[in-house]
Protein backbone atom coordinates (compact mmCIF):
# COMPACT_ATOMS: atom_id res chain seq x y z
CA MET A 1 -0.09 -0.13 0.10
CA THR A 2 1.34 3.52 -0.71
CA ILE A 3 2.29 5.53 2.14
CA THR A 4 0.81 9.24 2.22
CA ILE A 5 2.41 11.76 4.61
CA THR A 6 1.39 15.51 5.00
CA ALA A 7 3.78 18.46 4.77
CA PHE A 8 3.47 22.30 4.76
CA GLU A 9 1.79 23.69 1.76
CA ARG A 10 4.38 26.94 2.42
CA SER A 11 6.76 25.77 4.89
CA PRO A 12 7.54 28.54 7.33
CA ASP A 13 11.42 27.40 7.49
CA GLY A 14 12.09 29.16 4.32
CA GLY A 15 13.22 25.93 2.49
CA LYS A 16 15.98 24.92 5.31
CA GLY A 17 14.72 21.25 5.94
CA LEU A 18 13.52 22.03 9.62
CA ALA A 19 9.75 21.22 9.30
CA ARG A 20 9.26 17.78 10.87
CA ASP A 21 7.86 16.14 7.75
CA MET A 22 11.54 16.24 7.02
CA ARG A 23 12.36 13.82 9.73
CA VAL A 24 9.73 11.06 7.99
CA ARG A 25 10.94 11.76 4.43
CA TRP A 26 14.40 10.95 5.53
CA ALA A 27 13.36 7.82 7.36
CA LEU A 28 11.38 6.82 4.33
CA GLU A 29 14.33 7.51 2.25
CA GLU A 30 16.69 5.45 4.28
CA VAL A 31 14.69 2.39 4.21
CA GLY A 32 13.57 2.89 0.45
CA GLN A 33 10.17 3.26 0.61
CA PRO A 34 8.34 5.00 -1.66
CA TYR A 35 5.78 7.60 -0.48
CA ASP A 36 3.32 9.96 -1.48
CA VAL A 37 3.00 13.73 -0.07
CA ARG A 38 -0.27 15.68 0.45
CA LEU A 39 0.40 19.20 0.99
CA LEU A 40 -1.79 21.38 3.29
CA SER A 41 -2.25 25.42 4.00
CA PHE A 42 -2.48 26.30 7.48
CA LYS A 43 -5.99 26.50 7.07
CA ALA A 44 -6.68 22.80 5.80
CA MET A 45 -4.27 21.62 9.09
CA LYS A 46 -7.34 23.09 11.33
CA GLU A 47 -10.13 21.54 9.49
CA PRO A 48 -11.85 18.29 10.52
CA ALA A 49 -10.49 16.19 7.89
CA HIS A 50 -7.01 16.49 8.66
CA VAL A 51 -7.88 16.84 12.69
CA ALA A 52 -9.44 13.62 12.51
CA LEU A 53 -5.70 12.43 11.50
CA HIS A 54 -3.90 14.54 14.02
CA PRO A 55 -5.64 15.85 16.87
CA PHE A 56 -3.41 18.98 17.22
CA GLY A 57 -3.74 19.87 13.53
CA GLN A 58 -0.01 19.69 12.77
CA ILE A 59 2.18 18.14 10.28
CA PRO A 60 3.41 15.46 9.59
CA THR A 61 1.01 12.42 9.56
CA TYR A 62 1.55 9.08 7.92
CA GLU A 63 -1.16 7.16 6.54
CA GLU A 64 -0.82 3.40 4.92
CA GLY A 65 -3.55 1.56 4.63
CA ASP A 66 -6.42 1.77 7.76
CA LEU A 67 -3.27 3.06 9.93
CA ALA A 68 -3.04 6.73 10.49
CA LEU A 69 -0.40 8.21 12.68
CA PHE A 70 0.76 11.47 13.96
CA GLU A 71 3.82 12.85 15.62
CA SER A 72 6.97 12.72 13.72
CA GLY A 73 9.07 10.53 16.43
CA ALA A 74 6.48 8.02 16.44
CA ILE A 75 6.40 7.81 12.52
CA VAL A 76 10.28 7.47 12.40
CA PHE A 77 9.80 4.66 15.23
CA HIS A 78 6.99 2.84 13.29
CA ILE A 79 9.14 3.18 10.06
CA ALA A 80 12.37 1.70 11.54
CA GLU A 81 10.25 -1.31 13.36
CA ARG A 82 8.82 -2.07 9.94
CA HIS A 83 12.06 -1.93 7.51
CA ALA A 84 15.54 -2.75 8.06
CA GLY A 85 18.12 -0.10 7.98
CA LEU A 86 17.25 2.39 10.95
CA LEU A 87 17.40 -0.05 13.96
CA PRO A 88 20.14 -2.78 14.76
CA ASP A 89 19.12 -6.22 14.92
CA ASP A 90 21.22 -6.65 18.30
CA ALA A 91 18.45 -6.53 21.13
CA ASN A 92 20.34 -4.45 23.06
CA ALA A 93 21.88 -2.25 20.64
CA ARG A 94 18.30 -1.67 19.30
CA ALA A 95 17.08 -0.49 22.94
CA ARG A 96 19.91 2.04 22.75
CA ALA A 97 19.18 3.42 19.58
CA ILE A 98 15.57 3.78 20.62
CA THR A 99 16.74 5.61 23.85
CA TRP A 100 18.67 8.08 21.53
CA MET A 101 15.37 8.88 19.65
CA PHE A 102 13.87 9.63 22.80
CA ALA A 103 16.84 11.79 24.20
CA ALA A 104 16.70 13.89 20.93
CA LEU A 105 13.01 14.63 21.19
CA THR A 106 12.84 15.04 25.07
CA THR A 107 16.11 16.07 26.07
CA MET A 108 17.87 18.16 23.25
CA GLU A 109 14.93 19.33 21.29
CA PRO A 110 12.89 21.39 23.79
CA PRO A 111 15.49 24.07 24.75
CA ILE A 112 16.35 24.39 20.90
CA PHE A 113 12.83 24.70 19.85
CA ASP A 114 12.01 27.21 22.29
CA ARG A 115 14.64 29.47 21.45
CA ASP A 116 13.43 29.73 17.91
CA LEU A 117 9.95 30.43 19.19
CA ALA A 118 11.42 33.04 21.59
CA LYS A 119 13.42 34.77 18.47
CA VAL A 120 10.11 35.09 16.82
CA LEU A 121 7.36 35.50 19.16
CA GLU A 122 9.16 37.43 22.20
CA ARG A 123 11.62 39.65 20.44
CA ASP A 124 10.00 42.81 21.59
CA GLU A 125 9.10 41.81 25.08
CA PRO A 126 11.32 43.18 28.00
CA TRP A 127 12.16 39.70 29.39
CA TYR A 128 13.38 38.72 25.95
CA GLU A 129 17.32 39.01 26.40
CA ARG A 130 17.11 37.25 29.70
CA ARG A 131 14.93 34.46 28.17
CA LEU A 132 17.29 34.16 25.33
CA ARG A 133 20.26 33.72 27.72
CA VAL A 134 18.41 31.33 29.96
CA LEU A 135 17.58 28.94 26.74
CA GLU A 136 21.05 29.24 25.34
CA ASP A 137 22.68 28.36 28.69
CA SER A 138 20.48 25.09 28.81
CA ILE A 139 21.24 24.26 25.26
CA ARG A 140 24.90 24.73 25.82
CA LYS A 141 24.76 22.39 28.84
CA ARG A 142 23.19 19.74 26.82
CA LEU A 143 25.36 20.04 23.97
CA GLY A 144 28.34 19.91 26.27
CA ASP A 145 27.00 16.48 27.43
CA LEU A 146 26.01 15.20 23.96
CA SER A 147 29.62 16.39 22.56
CA ARG A 148 31.72 14.34 25.43
CA ARG A 149 29.46 11.21 24.97
CA LEU A 150 29.82 11.38 21.20
CA GLY A 151 33.90 12.04 21.42
CA ASP A 152 35.39 10.96 18.19
CA ALA A 153 32.95 8.59 16.94
CA ASP A 154 31.01 9.04 13.92
CA TRP A 155 27.41 7.85 15.32
CA LEU A 156 25.91 7.86 19.02
CA ASP A 157 26.28 3.93 19.10
CA GLY A 158 28.22 2.38 16.39
CA ALA A 159 26.30 2.30 13.21
CA PHE A 160 23.88 4.95 11.96
CA SER A 161 20.52 4.36 13.34
CA ALA A 162 17.03 6.28 14.00
CA GLY A 163 18.55 7.73 16.92
CA ASP A 164 21.08 9.58 14.87
CA LEU A 165 18.40 10.44 12.42
CA LEU A 166 16.40 12.41 14.90
CA MET A 167 19.30 13.68 16.57
CA VAL A 168 20.71 15.33 13.59
CA THR A 169 17.31 16.76 12.56
CA VAL A 170 17.02 18.56 15.82
CA LEU A 171 20.86 19.86 15.74
CA LEU A 172 20.13 21.38 12.45
CA ARG A 173 17.90 23.99 13.98
CA LEU A 174 21.27 25.32 15.70
CA LYS A 175 22.91 26.19 12.13
CA GLY A 176 23.97 29.66 11.68
CA SER A 177 23.35 30.57 15.51
CA GLY A 178 27.03 29.97 16.04
CA ILE A 179 26.25 27.71 19.12
CA LEU A 180 26.73 24.45 17.21
CA ASP A 181 30.32 25.35 16.10
CA GLU A 182 31.57 25.72 19.59
CA TYR A 183 31.15 21.80 19.68
CA PRO A 184 33.55 20.78 16.48
CA ASN A 185 32.63 17.11 16.82
CA LEU A 186 28.80 17.94 16.92
CA SER A 187 29.22 19.97 13.95
CA ALA A 188 30.99 17.14 12.08
CA TYR A 189 28.39 15.04 13.30
CA VAL A 190 25.59 17.05 11.53
CA VAL A 191 27.61 17.27 8.47
CA ARG A 192 28.04 13.54 8.38
CA GLY A 193 23.93 13.14 8.33
CA GLU A 194 23.31 15.86 5.75
CA ALA A 195 26.16 14.16 3.44
CA ARG A 196 24.05 10.74 3.53
CA PRO A 197 22.32 10.13 0.19
CA ALA A 198 19.07 9.63 1.65
CA TYR A 199 19.02 12.88 3.32
CA LYS A 200 20.07 14.68 0.46
CA ARG A 201 17.00 13.14 -1.51
CA ALA A 202 14.59 13.97 1.21
CA PHE A 203 16.02 17.57 1.58
CA ASP A 204 15.86 17.96 -2.20
CA ALA A 205 12.08 16.64 -2.01
CA GLN A 206 11.06 19.34 0.69
CA LEU A 207 12.99 22.14 -0.92
CA ALA A 208 11.15 21.59 -4.23
CA VAL A 209 7.93 22.26 -2.33
CA PHE A 210 8.98 25.42 -1.06
CA THR A 211 10.45 26.62 -4.47
CA ALA A 212 7.34 25.78 -6.20
CA ALA A 213 5.34 27.53 -3.30
CA SER A 214 7.58 30.55 -3.75
CA THR A 215 7.27 30.86 -7.51
CA GLY A 216 3.74 29.64 -8.04
């Protein structure tokens, strides 16, 4: 059955590959599964048809036959469980890879995403500078911990896994901030992720949507 995912009709990330459908596209490319994309406007995301798939009216969603999923991490996990290439065969290594998936989304992502939101929504507030310092201190603490754990390894736990896929997509939000550059091994780690052929295919597919929307 054909897999269908949803994505922004006009992504607010400016074609940088930061929207969360990118994670799902990348995972599907890594495991060699074809998929269709249904593009949604912000208005359509809040309409009953989409809310029936995603109760919070966001993207991405994943449909395959009578299965409908939401939340990018859950979708990537489902793909990794169904298809070889994103989770190790060894039970212990598999459990560690899943742990890194959770770490990316629950430990690393919140302060990084909150920093992005603050820069957009709170810039004119009197507390903005203090808020930004607090968030960036938290980000640096997490990056320091992650940098020490990664060391000089290519990936978080042996071979590339879904844990690395999610972690790279989280860290990509820091590109251009200067913060990630303070941790050379993490910068190199992100570059390795971006160099993967599956990532490039997913990025090009998402960028094509943004380009078409911008020129249409």
